[in-house]
Amino acid sequence: MAAAITRAVENRRSGIALCLGLGALAAVGQAPLGWAWVSLAAFAVSLWLLSVPSRWRVAAWRGWALGTGYFAASLFWIVEPFLVDVARHGWMAPFALFFMAGGLALFWALAFGLAARLGAGQRGRAAWAVLALTAAEFLRSVIFTGFPWALVGHIWIGWPQMQFAAIAGAHGLTLLTLVAAAMPVLFGARRALVGALAGLALVALPGVYGKLRVPTGPAELREPAATVRLVQPNAAQHLKWSPEMVPVFFERLIALTEAEPLDGAPRPDVVIWPETALPYLLHNAQSAFDRTATAAAGAMTIMGVQRQDQLGRWFNSLAVVGADGQMQALYDKHHLVPFGEYVPFSDLLGRLGIYGLAANIGGYASGPGPQILDLGPMGQVLPLICYEAIFPNDIARAPGRADWIVQITNDAWFGRVSGPYQHLALARLRAVEQGVLLVRSANTGVSAAFDPYGRTIARLPLETSGFVDLPLPAPLAPTPYARFGDLPVFAVLLVLAIVTAAVGRRRGMS
């Protein structure tokens, strides 16, 4: 069977098809399925096949096919935003998926092509593939504004191995996964079974660490005690800005804000509304602020709002409204979604009829960067708007460490199958990396709260309206990842590259 599969991959057409299928299979480790062990097996087979002797161009094509299958299966939700207004944007949907999957797969093509060029023998190519693919995953996380979504290491979100992110982050999980998957190749054909067992043991170790790290009881609560309310209005995207529905959704937000707590719980100290929840521009919002303050009954409210400055620029913002109805703090989203919130090279593409999804306002301007908001007795909070939660490097650039993180988002753009759950999973990983509470209010869901260990302590299902109250857990001491970021992973990659090069050179000279 192994010989037959090897012959299949050496054939150009069947090899490309096989790599496409393996890539799609590797994607099942991502949310909502979370079949991490199936994904690990698919990567193991992929590394074995892609280390079969071949020219670097052939290896690059195979890597591109593997990546295309992986990203097409992981990110098929990318077509959903274009289907909200089918008449206007529907024609872009297939192009978006093809160019997204095929474009991201170029990083994998580069990795496997480089591995074939540098590696001597099957083991050498596999070793270089692990290092190059880990580096490629980091590169796609930062280049062209970055897109660290569906990283290889994300397959462990929700498993005990997720706790390893508190030490090494998502890229550390990626390196761990790929090293484990490459073990059957690195041990050689005769000892492939021993290599597979070694790979399983390697992955099991951080799982044991995760079991030991997480306490059996709930996380310690902060002092003084404080309660947060997450509000989810469930405003469908195609109705959200309808003139008939705007007042309906606003009244729903007010009703959920002023609702009495369940089971005799205390009134919330802060209420959180989702992204762009307020249907009025900031300069016209005072009457809405007054109503909100009355409904909140002494609590401050964090809400998403749009604003326009004196230069005519639009911003996707987060406002903190005090108990007196006055705005206490403002944050402007700084990491915008390309083609969603702004269009790169907009003048040129506009002539071609490509305007993006934010064309109704011409796109947003970027805010100055990450901020920490001082909420007085509620502590220091790091605000994130929508997909800013997928960028751990942005969190590291914040001017100080927050006591907790708040994400407001509108995942109605992402459909109802995988997009909202993948976004939720990435927010969960941020809580583990930083060791602080993360709460998220999503327009249509999933609204949730994760304690400093990434455990779910509150959740509202997708496409339901409602609220949930929760006490604020205290932050943990800064995690190793919060202190050092990705530097340890870079150091390990560098050491492994030096060792791999040295071993390859010695074998070449012997």
Protein backbone atom coordinates (compact mmCIF):
# COMPACT_ATOMS: atom_id res chain seq x y z
CA MET A 1 0.00 0.00 0.00
CA ALA A 2 2.83 2.36 0.86
CA ALA A 3 4.42 1.70 -2.52
CA ALA A 4 1.11 2.33 -4.30
CA ILE A 5 0.62 5.64 -2.49
CA THR A 6 4.19 6.64 -3.26
CA ARG A 7 3.62 5.91 -6.97
CA ALA A 8 0.40 7.92 -6.85
CA VAL A 9 2.09 10.98 -5.39
CA GLU A 10 4.93 10.73 -7.93
CA ASN A 11 2.35 11.05 -10.71
CA ARG A 12 1.66 14.72 -11.39
CA ARG A 13 -2.14 14.61 -11.52
CA SER A 14 -2.81 11.99 -8.87
CA GLY A 15 -0.16 13.53 -6.65
CA ILE A 16 -1.83 16.94 -6.76
CA ALA A 17 -5.26 15.39 -6.14
CA LEU A 18 -3.95 13.34 -3.22
CA CYS A 19 -2.34 16.40 -1.63
CA LEU A 20 -5.54 18.41 -2.07
CA GLY A 21 -7.48 15.68 -0.25
CA LEU A 22 -4.93 15.37 2.54
CA GLY A 23 -5.04 19.13 3.03
CA ALA A 24 -8.82 19.06 3.36
CA LEU A 25 -8.55 16.17 5.83
CA ALA A 26 -5.98 18.06 7.89
CA ALA A 27 -8.49 20.91 8.24
CA VAL A 28 -10.92 18.84 10.34
CA GLY A 29 -8.85 19.71 13.39
CA GLN A 30 -10.12 23.29 13.19
CA ALA A 31 -13.36 24.37 14.83
CA PRO A 32 -16.17 23.45 14.86
CA LEU A 33 -15.12 19.78 14.45
CA GLY A 34 -11.90 19.92 16.44
CA TRP A 35 -10.74 16.45 15.36
CA ALA A 36 -7.13 17.16 16.27
CA TRP A 37 -5.90 13.56 16.11
CA VAL A 38 -7.28 13.07 12.59
CA SER A 39 -5.57 16.29 11.57
CA LEU A 40 -2.30 15.11 13.13
CA ALA A 41 -2.48 11.86 11.16
CA ALA A 42 -3.16 13.76 7.93
CA PHE A 43 -0.11 15.96 8.51
CA ALA A 44 1.98 12.86 9.22
CA VAL A 45 1.01 11.27 5.90
CA SER A 46 1.50 14.60 4.12
CA LEU A 47 5.04 15.05 5.44
CA TRP A 48 5.88 11.50 4.43
CA LEU A 49 4.58 12.01 0.89
CA LEU A 50 6.06 15.47 0.45
CA SER A 51 9.49 14.23 1.49
CA VAL A 52 9.53 11.69 -1.35
CA PRO A 53 12.55 12.54 -3.58
CA SER A 54 11.59 15.08 -6.22
CA ARG A 55 12.69 18.35 -7.76
CA TRP A 56 12.01 21.42 -5.64
CA ARG A 57 9.45 22.70 -8.16
CA VAL A 58 7.46 19.48 -7.87
CA ALA A 59 7.61 19.66 -4.07
CA ALA A 60 6.42 23.26 -4.21
CA TRP A 61 3.42 22.29 -6.34
CA ARG A 62 2.56 19.50 -3.94
CA GLY A 63 2.86 21.89 -1.01
CA TRP A 64 0.60 24.36 -2.80
CA ALA A 65 -2.01 21.64 -3.39
CA LEU A 66 -1.83 20.55 0.24
CA GLY A 67 -2.26 24.15 1.42
CA THR A 68 -5.06 24.86 -1.04
CA GLY A 69 -7.05 21.87 0.19
CA TYR A 70 -6.38 22.83 3.79
CA PHE A 71 -7.36 26.49 3.47
CA ALA A 72 -10.34 25.84 1.21
CA ALA A 73 -11.77 23.43 3.80
CA SER A 74 -10.85 25.62 6.78
CA LEU A 75 -11.94 28.95 5.35
CA PHE A 76 -14.92 28.11 3.16
CA TRP A 77 -16.91 30.48 5.38
CA ILE A 78 -15.10 33.33 3.60
CA VAL A 79 -17.88 33.32 0.99
CA GLU A 80 -20.53 34.17 3.59
CA PRO A 81 -19.94 37.97 3.75
CA PHE A 82 -20.44 38.19 0.00
CA LEU A 83 -23.83 36.47 0.25
CA VAL A 84 -25.38 39.02 2.61
CA ASP A 85 -26.04 41.27 -0.38
CA VAL A 86 -25.98 38.73 -3.20
CA ALA A 87 -26.99 41.16 -5.94
CA ARG A 88 -24.10 43.45 -5.15
CA HIS A 89 -21.32 41.19 -3.92
CA GLY A 90 -22.35 37.60 -4.72
CA TRP A 91 -20.22 37.39 -7.85
CA MET A 92 -17.09 37.89 -5.73
CA ALA A 93 -17.69 34.82 -3.51
CA PRO A 94 -16.01 32.06 -5.59
CA PHE A 95 -13.10 34.35 -6.44
CA ALA A 96 -12.68 35.20 -2.75
CA LEU A 97 -12.43 31.53 -1.76
CA PHE A 98 -10.11 30.60 -4.63
CA PHE A 99 -7.74 33.51 -4.15
CA MET A 100 -7.78 33.20 -0.37
CA ALA A 101 -7.05 29.45 -0.34
CA GLY A 102 -4.64 29.53 -3.27
CA GLY A 103 -2.92 32.66 -2.03
CA LEU A 104 -2.32 31.39 1.49
CA ALA A 105 -1.16 28.07 0.03
CA LEU A 106 1.74 29.91 -1.62
CA PHE A 107 3.36 30.09 1.81
CA TRP A 108 3.18 26.31 2.04
CA ALA A 109 4.50 25.97 -1.50
CA LEU A 110 7.50 28.09 -0.53
CA ALA A 111 8.07 25.96 2.58
CA PHE A 112 8.04 22.60 0.82
CA GLY A 113 9.99 23.86 -2.17
CA LEU A 114 12.66 25.18 0.18
CA ALA A 115 12.69 21.91 2.12
CA ALA A 116 13.25 19.91 -1.08
CA ARG A 117 16.08 22.24 -2.05
CA LEU A 118 17.84 22.18 1.33
CA GLY A 119 17.17 18.62 2.49
CA ALA A 120 19.36 15.67 1.68
CA GLY A 121 17.40 12.43 1.72
CA GLN A 122 13.86 11.83 2.90
CA ARG A 123 14.65 12.56 6.54
CA GLY A 124 16.44 15.77 5.72
CA ARG A 125 13.56 17.00 3.55
CA ALA A 126 11.04 16.15 6.28
CA ALA A 127 13.08 17.97 8.92
CA TRP A 128 13.42 21.07 6.76
CA ALA A 129 9.71 20.88 5.89
CA VAL A 130 8.81 21.08 9.60
CA LEU A 131 11.02 24.12 10.14
CA ALA A 132 10.07 25.86 6.90
CA LEU A 133 6.33 25.31 7.35
CA THR A 134 6.45 26.62 10.91
CA ALA A 135 8.27 29.71 9.62
CA ALA A 136 5.78 30.05 6.76
CA GLU A 137 2.87 29.96 9.20
CA PHE A 138 4.48 32.79 11.13
CA LEU A 139 5.14 34.72 7.91
CA ARG A 140 1.51 34.57 6.82
CA SER A 141 0.55 35.78 10.30
CA VAL A 142 2.31 39.10 9.79
CA ILE A 143 2.88 39.86 6.10
CA PHE A 144 0.31 42.01 4.22
CA THR A 145 -1.30 42.93 7.59
CA GLY A 146 -1.31 39.23 8.52
CA PHE A 147 -3.94 36.51 8.74
CA PRO A 148 -3.14 34.07 11.60
CA TRP A 149 -6.41 32.17 11.18
CA ALA A 150 -6.49 28.35 10.99
CA LEU A 151 -2.83 27.99 11.97
CA VAL A 152 -1.70 24.38 12.22
CA GLY A 153 -1.37 24.69 16.00
CA HIS A 154 -4.98 25.83 16.35
CA ILE A 155 -6.15 22.23 16.05
CA TRP A 156 -5.45 21.85 19.81
CA ILE A 157 -7.84 24.59 20.94
CA GLY A 158 -10.23 22.94 23.38
CA TRP A 159 -7.80 20.09 24.15
CA PRO A 160 -5.47 20.01 27.19
CA GLN A 161 -2.58 20.68 24.80
CA MET A 162 -4.03 24.19 24.39
CA GLN A 163 -2.40 25.13 27.70
CA PHE A 164 1.02 24.89 26.04
CA ALA A 165 0.12 28.22 24.40
CA ALA A 166 0.68 29.87 27.78
CA ILE A 167 4.35 29.02 27.23
CA ALA A 168 4.89 29.11 23.48
CA GLY A 169 1.75 30.55 21.86
CA ALA A 170 0.10 29.31 18.68
CA HIS A 171 3.39 29.02 16.76
CA GLY A 172 4.80 26.84 19.51
CA LEU A 173 1.77 24.57 19.09
CA THR A 174 2.38 24.53 15.33
CA LEU A 175 6.02 23.50 15.75
CA LEU A 176 5.06 20.83 18.27
CA THR A 177 2.39 19.43 15.93
CA LEU A 178 4.64 19.28 12.88
CA VAL A 179 7.57 17.73 14.77
CA ALA A 180 5.24 15.03 16.09
CA ALA A 181 3.76 14.45 12.62
CA ALA A 182 7.23 14.11 11.09
CA MET A 183 8.43 11.47 13.57
CA PRO A 184 7.55 8.44 11.39
CA VAL A 185 9.68 9.89 8.57
CA LEU A 186 12.51 11.00 10.86
CA PHE A 187 12.77 7.50 12.39
CA GLY A 188 12.98 5.92 8.94
CA ALA A 189 10.86 3.40 7.07
CA ARG A 190 11.96 0.43 9.17
CA ARG A 191 11.13 2.16 12.44
CA ALA A 192 8.15 4.20 11.27
CA LEU A 193 5.88 2.61 13.87
CA VAL A 194 8.32 3.53 16.64
CA GLY A 195 8.42 7.04 15.20
CA ALA A 196 4.62 7.25 15.23
CA LEU A 197 4.55 6.22 18.88
CA ALA A 198 7.24 8.80 19.65
CA GLY A 199 5.16 11.45 17.91
CA LEU A 200 2.11 10.54 19.96
CA ALA A 201 4.17 10.67 23.14
CA LEU A 202 5.53 14.09 22.15
CA VAL A 203 2.01 15.45 21.72
CA ALA A 204 0.84 13.76 24.93
CA LEU A 205 3.40 15.57 27.08
CA PRO A 206 1.83 19.06 26.74
CA GLY A 207 -1.52 17.36 27.28
CA VAL A 208 -0.30 16.15 30.67
CA TYR A 209 1.02 19.65 31.37
CA GLY A 210 -2.38 21.07 30.48
CA LYS A 211 -4.18 18.68 32.82
CA LEU A 212 -1.84 19.63 35.67
CA ARG A 213 -1.94 23.38 34.97
CA VAL A 214 -5.70 23.85 35.11
CA PRO A 215 -7.22 23.75 38.61
CA THR A 216 -10.21 21.55 39.27
CA GLY A 217 -12.26 24.37 40.79
CA PRO A 218 -13.30 27.74 39.35
CA ALA A 219 -10.79 30.51 38.85
CA GLU A 220 -10.21 32.93 41.71
CA LEU A 221 -12.50 35.97 41.57
CA ARG A 222 -11.16 39.50 41.52
CA GLU A 223 -11.36 41.84 44.49
CA PRO A 224 -13.46 43.89 44.76
CA ALA A 225 -16.09 41.63 43.23
CA ALA A 226 -17.56 42.78 39.93
CA THR A 227 -20.17 41.43 37.52
CA VAL A 228 -20.24 41.74 33.72
CA ARG A 229 -23.31 41.35 31.50
CA LEU A 230 -22.89 40.21 27.89
CA VAL A 231 -25.75 41.29 25.62
CA GLN A 232 -26.53 39.52 22.34
CA PRO A 233 -29.32 41.18 20.29
CA ASN A 234 -29.26 38.71 17.36
CA ALA A 235 -29.59 41.31 14.60
CA ALA A 236 -29.34 39.44 11.30
CA GLN A 237 -26.88 41.16 9.00
CA HIS A 238 -29.29 41.60 6.10
CA LEU A 239 -31.74 43.33 8.50
CA LYS A 240 -29.31 45.13 10.80
CA TRP A 241 -29.45 48.49 8.98
CA SER A 242 -32.99 48.20 7.65
CA PRO A 243 -34.89 51.40 8.62
CA GLU A 244 -37.79 49.32 9.88
CA MET A 245 -35.59 47.08 12.01
CA VAL A 246 -33.09 49.58 13.43
CA PRO A 247 -35.46 50.71 16.25
CA VAL A 248 -36.46 47.09 16.91
CA PHE A 249 -32.88 46.01 17.50
CA PHE A 250 -32.09 49.08 19.60
CA GLU A 251 -35.09 48.47 21.85
CA ARG A 252 -34.00 44.87 22.18
CA LEU A 253 -30.58 46.03 23.38
CA ILE A 254 -32.24 48.35 25.92
CA ALA A 255 -34.56 45.61 27.17
CA LEU A 256 -31.70 43.14 27.62
CA THR A 257 -29.65 45.78 29.41
CA GLU A 258 -32.34 46.67 31.95
CA ALA A 259 -33.52 43.07 32.52
CA GLU A 260 -33.32 41.86 36.09
CA PRO A 261 -30.54 39.37 36.85
CA LEU A 262 -31.47 35.71 37.07
CA ASP A 263 -31.63 33.73 40.32
CA GLY A 264 -31.12 36.76 42.55
CA ALA A 265 -27.66 37.56 41.19
CA PRO A 266 -26.32 41.11 41.67
CA ARG A 267 -26.88 43.83 39.10
CA PRO A 268 -24.04 44.05 36.60
CA ASP A 269 -21.30 46.62 37.06
CA VAL A 270 -20.62 46.80 33.32
CA VAL A 271 -22.79 45.89 30.32
CA ILE A 272 -21.21 44.96 26.99
CA TRP A 273 -22.92 45.42 23.64
CA PRO A 274 -21.49 44.04 20.36
CA GLU A 275 -19.68 45.73 17.49
CA THR A 276 -21.54 48.62 15.78
CA ALA A 277 -24.49 47.94 18.09
CA LEU A 278 -25.47 51.60 18.34
CA PRO A 279 -27.47 52.57 15.25
CA TYR A 280 -26.50 56.25 15.53
CA LEU A 281 -23.27 58.01 14.71
CA LEU A 282 -21.28 59.04 17.75
CA HIS A 283 -21.93 62.77 17.36
CA ASN A 284 -25.69 62.09 17.34
CA ALA A 285 -25.69 59.50 20.10
CA GLN A 286 -26.26 61.49 23.31
CA SER A 287 -29.95 60.70 23.57
CA ALA A 288 -29.16 57.02 23.02
CA PHE A 289 -26.44 57.24 25.68
CA ASP A 290 -28.96 58.69 28.11
CA ARG A 291 -31.42 55.87 27.49
CA THR A 292 -28.65 53.32 27.81
CA ALA A 293 -27.48 54.77 31.13
CA THR A 294 -31.04 54.63 32.47
CA ALA A 295 -31.43 51.02 31.38
CA ALA A 296 -28.03 50.06 32.84
CA ALA A 297 -29.15 51.39 36.25
CA GLY A 298 -25.79 52.56 37.50
CA ALA A 299 -23.56 50.30 35.40
CA MET A 300 -21.21 51.51 32.71
CA THR A 301 -21.83 50.27 29.16
CA ILE A 302 -19.27 49.24 26.55
CA MET A 303 -20.67 49.38 23.04
CA GLY A 304 -19.69 49.39 19.40
CA VAL A 305 -20.34 52.62 17.51
CA GLN A 306 -19.37 54.26 14.24
CA ARG A 307 -18.02 57.78 14.12
CA GLN A 308 -16.77 60.34 11.64
CA ASP A 309 -14.06 62.86 12.46
CA GLN A 310 -13.61 66.44 11.24
CA LEU A 311 -11.59 65.25 8.26
CA GLY A 312 -14.46 63.09 7.07
CA ARG A 313 -12.79 59.82 8.02
CA TRP A 314 -14.92 56.96 9.35
CA PHE A 315 -13.93 54.80 12.33
CA ASN A 316 -15.18 51.52 13.73
CA SER A 317 -15.07 52.34 17.43
CA LEU A 318 -15.75 51.18 20.96
CA ALA A 319 -17.25 53.67 23.43
CA VAL A 320 -17.49 53.40 27.21
CA VAL A 321 -20.58 55.17 28.53
CA GLY A 322 -20.76 55.96 32.25
CA ALA A 323 -23.71 55.76 34.60
CA ASP A 324 -24.35 59.46 33.92
CA GLY A 325 -24.74 58.91 30.18
CA GLN A 326 -21.44 60.61 29.35
CA MET A 327 -18.75 58.94 27.26
CA GLN A 328 -15.79 58.03 29.45
CA ALA A 329 -13.43 56.44 26.93
CA LEU A 330 -13.15 55.80 23.19
CA TYR A 331 -11.16 53.26 21.20
CA ASP A 332 -10.82 53.16 17.40
CA LYS A 333 -10.18 49.83 15.71
CA HIS A 334 -6.68 49.83 14.26
CA HIS A 335 -6.32 46.41 12.59
CA LEU A 336 -8.84 46.57 9.78
CA VAL A 337 -10.10 43.78 7.53
CA PRO A 338 -8.76 44.13 3.97
CA PHE A 339 -11.61 44.37 1.44
CA GLY A 340 -14.07 44.22 4.34
CA GLU A 341 -13.38 47.48 6.16
CA TYR A 342 -11.02 49.08 3.69
CA VAL A 343 -9.85 48.38 0.16
CA PRO A 344 -6.12 48.34 -0.57
CA PHE A 345 -5.30 50.43 -3.64
CA SER A 346 -8.90 51.62 -3.53
CA ASP A 347 -8.53 54.21 -6.29
CA LEU A 348 -7.22 51.67 -8.78
CA LEU A 349 -9.60 48.87 -7.84
CA GLY A 350 -12.55 51.26 -7.76
CA ARG A 351 -12.05 51.89 -11.47
CA LEU A 352 -12.43 48.14 -11.97
CA GLY A 353 -15.66 48.07 -10.00
CA ILE A 354 -14.16 46.44 -6.89
CA TYR A 355 -15.26 48.34 -3.79
CA GLY A 356 -15.26 45.81 -0.96
CA LEU A 357 -17.94 45.29 1.65
CA ALA A 358 -17.47 48.71 3.29
CA ALA A 359 -18.15 50.66 0.12
CA ASN A 360 -21.28 52.23 1.60
CA ILE A 361 -19.06 54.50 3.69
CA GLY A 362 -15.90 54.33 1.60
CA GLY A 363 -14.13 52.19 4.17
CA TYR A 364 -12.81 52.85 7.67
CA ALA A 365 -9.67 54.65 8.77
CA SER A 366 -7.29 52.91 11.13
CA GLY A 367 -6.98 53.92 14.77
CA PRO A 368 -3.61 54.67 16.41
CA GLY A 369 -3.05 51.17 17.82
CA PRO A 370 -3.71 48.95 20.86
CA GLN A 371 -4.86 50.74 24.01
CA ILE A 372 -5.54 49.97 27.64
CA LEU A 373 -8.68 51.63 29.01
CA ASP A 374 -8.83 52.53 32.69
CA LEU A 375 -12.32 51.67 33.94
CA GLY A 376 -11.68 52.71 37.53
CA PRO A 377 -12.95 50.06 39.96
CA MET A 378 -13.43 47.67 37.02
CA GLY A 379 -9.69 47.68 36.40
CA GLN A 380 -7.63 47.94 33.22
CA VAL A 381 -9.25 46.51 30.09
CA LEU A 382 -7.82 45.80 26.66
CA PRO A 383 -10.48 46.50 23.97
CA LEU A 384 -10.58 44.45 20.77
CA ILE A 385 -13.00 44.88 17.89
CA CYS A 386 -13.91 41.88 15.76
CA TYR A 387 -10.94 40.09 14.22
CA GLU A 388 -8.38 42.05 16.21
CA ALA A 389 -8.66 39.12 18.63
CA ILE A 390 -6.81 36.84 16.19
CA PHE A 391 -3.55 38.81 16.46
CA PRO A 392 -1.52 37.94 19.59
CA ASN A 393 1.27 40.26 18.46
CA ASP A 394 -1.07 43.24 18.62
CA ILE A 395 -1.99 42.35 22.19
CA ALA A 396 1.72 42.23 23.02
CA ARG A 397 2.07 45.81 21.72
CA ALA A 398 -0.50 47.16 24.18
CA PRO A 399 0.89 49.79 26.57
CA GLY A 400 0.73 47.62 29.68
CA ARG A 401 -1.00 44.46 30.85
CA ALA A 402 -4.76 44.41 31.16
CA ASP A 403 -6.74 42.87 34.00
CA TRP A 404 -9.17 41.52 31.42
CA ILE A 405 -9.87 41.65 27.69
CA VAL A 406 -13.13 42.62 26.00
CA GLN A 407 -13.92 41.75 22.40
CA ILE A 408 -16.95 43.18 20.66
CA THR A 409 -17.74 41.62 17.31
CA ASN A 410 -20.35 41.10 14.63
CA ASP A 411 -19.93 37.52 13.46
CA ALA A 412 -23.17 37.65 11.50
CA TRP A 413 -20.88 38.15 8.48
CA PHE A 414 -19.37 34.68 9.01
CA GLY A 415 -22.45 32.54 8.44
CA ARG A 416 -23.55 29.82 10.83
CA VAL A 417 -21.36 26.77 10.08
CA SER A 418 -17.70 27.27 10.93
CA GLY A 419 -16.69 30.95 10.82
CA PRO A 420 -18.24 32.06 14.15
CA TYR A 421 -16.87 29.02 15.96
CA GLN A 422 -13.34 29.46 14.61
CA HIS A 423 -13.40 33.13 15.63
CA LEU A 424 -14.61 32.08 19.07
CA ALA A 425 -11.80 29.51 19.37
CA LEU A 426 -9.12 32.10 18.55
CA ALA A 427 -10.45 34.44 21.22
CA ARG A 428 -10.31 31.53 23.67
CA LEU A 429 -6.63 30.99 22.88
CA ARG A 430 -5.87 34.65 23.66
CA ALA A 431 -7.16 34.09 27.22
CA VAL A 432 -4.77 31.15 27.67
CA GLU A 433 -1.79 33.01 26.20
CA GLN A 434 -2.26 36.05 28.41
CA GLY A 435 -3.66 34.39 31.53
CA VAL A 436 -6.57 36.83 31.82
CA LEU A 437 -10.34 36.74 31.43
CA LEU A 438 -11.63 37.37 27.90
CA VAL A 439 -15.27 38.31 27.35
CA ARG A 440 -16.83 38.73 23.93
CA SER A 441 -20.18 40.15 22.93
CA ALA A 442 -21.22 39.07 19.44
CA ASN A 443 -24.18 40.46 17.55
CA THR A 444 -25.65 37.09 16.52
CA GLY A 445 -23.29 34.97 18.62
CA VAL A 446 -21.40 33.26 19.85
CA SER A 447 -21.08 35.53 22.90
CA ALA A 448 -18.95 33.95 25.59
CA ALA A 449 -16.49 34.42 28.42
CA PHE A 450 -13.29 32.45 29.03
CA ASP A 451 -11.43 32.40 32.30
CA PRO A 452 -7.61 32.82 32.42
CA TYR A 453 -7.21 29.10 31.62
CA GLY A 454 -9.45 29.29 28.56
CA ARG A 455 -12.36 27.50 30.24
CA THR A 456 -15.82 28.58 29.10
CA ILE A 457 -17.63 30.23 32.02
CA ALA A 458 -20.52 31.81 30.08
CA ARG A 459 -21.96 31.34 26.62
CA LEU A 460 -24.94 32.37 24.50
CA PRO A 461 -25.79 30.13 21.53
CA LEU A 462 -25.56 31.27 17.93
CA GLU A 463 -28.56 33.16 16.51
CA THR A 464 -30.37 33.73 19.79
CA SER A 465 -31.04 36.94 21.68
CA GLY A 466 -30.36 37.17 25.37
CA PHE A 467 -27.91 38.11 28.09
CA VAL A 468 -25.65 36.38 30.56
CA ASP A 469 -24.11 37.73 33.77
CA LEU A 470 -20.79 36.53 35.17
CA PRO A 471 -18.40 37.51 37.95
CA LEU A 472 -14.95 38.72 36.90
CA PRO A 473 -12.11 36.26 37.63
CA ALA A 474 -8.79 37.70 38.76
CA PRO A 475 -5.91 37.62 36.24
CA LEU A 476 -3.09 35.15 36.67
CA ALA A 477 0.54 36.17 36.94
CA PRO A 478 1.93 37.02 33.47
CA THR A 479 2.44 33.81 31.51
CA PRO A 480 5.76 33.04 29.80
CA TYR A 481 4.12 33.86 26.49
CA ALA A 482 2.84 37.19 27.83
CA ARG A 483 6.41 38.05 28.88
CA PHE A 484 8.44 36.76 25.94
CA GLY A 485 5.99 36.33 23.05
CA ASP A 486 7.29 34.26 20.13
CA LEU A 487 10.99 34.81 20.87
CA PRO A 488 11.50 31.37 22.47
CA VAL A 489 9.94 29.67 19.43
CA PHE A 490 12.21 31.65 17.11
CA ALA A 491 15.20 30.59 19.19
CA VAL A 492 14.19 26.92 19.01
CA LEU A 493 13.64 27.20 15.25
CA LEU A 494 17.09 28.71 14.81
CA VAL A 495 18.77 26.00 16.88
CA LEU A 496 16.92 23.23 15.04
CA ALA A 497 17.84 24.78 11.67
CA ILE A 498 21.53 24.86 12.65
CA VAL A 499 21.41 21.26 13.86
CA THR A 500 19.55 20.08 10.75
CA ALA A 501 22.03 21.85 8.47
CA ALA A 502 24.98 20.40 10.38
CA VAL A 503 23.60 16.86 10.28
CA GLY A 504 22.81 17.16 6.59
CA ARG A 505 26.29 18.45 5.82
CA ARG A 506 27.95 15.66 7.81
CA ARG A 507 25.96 13.00 6.02
CA GLY A 508 26.74 14.62 2.68
CA MET A 509 30.47 14.55 3.40
CA SER A 510 30.53 10.99 4.76
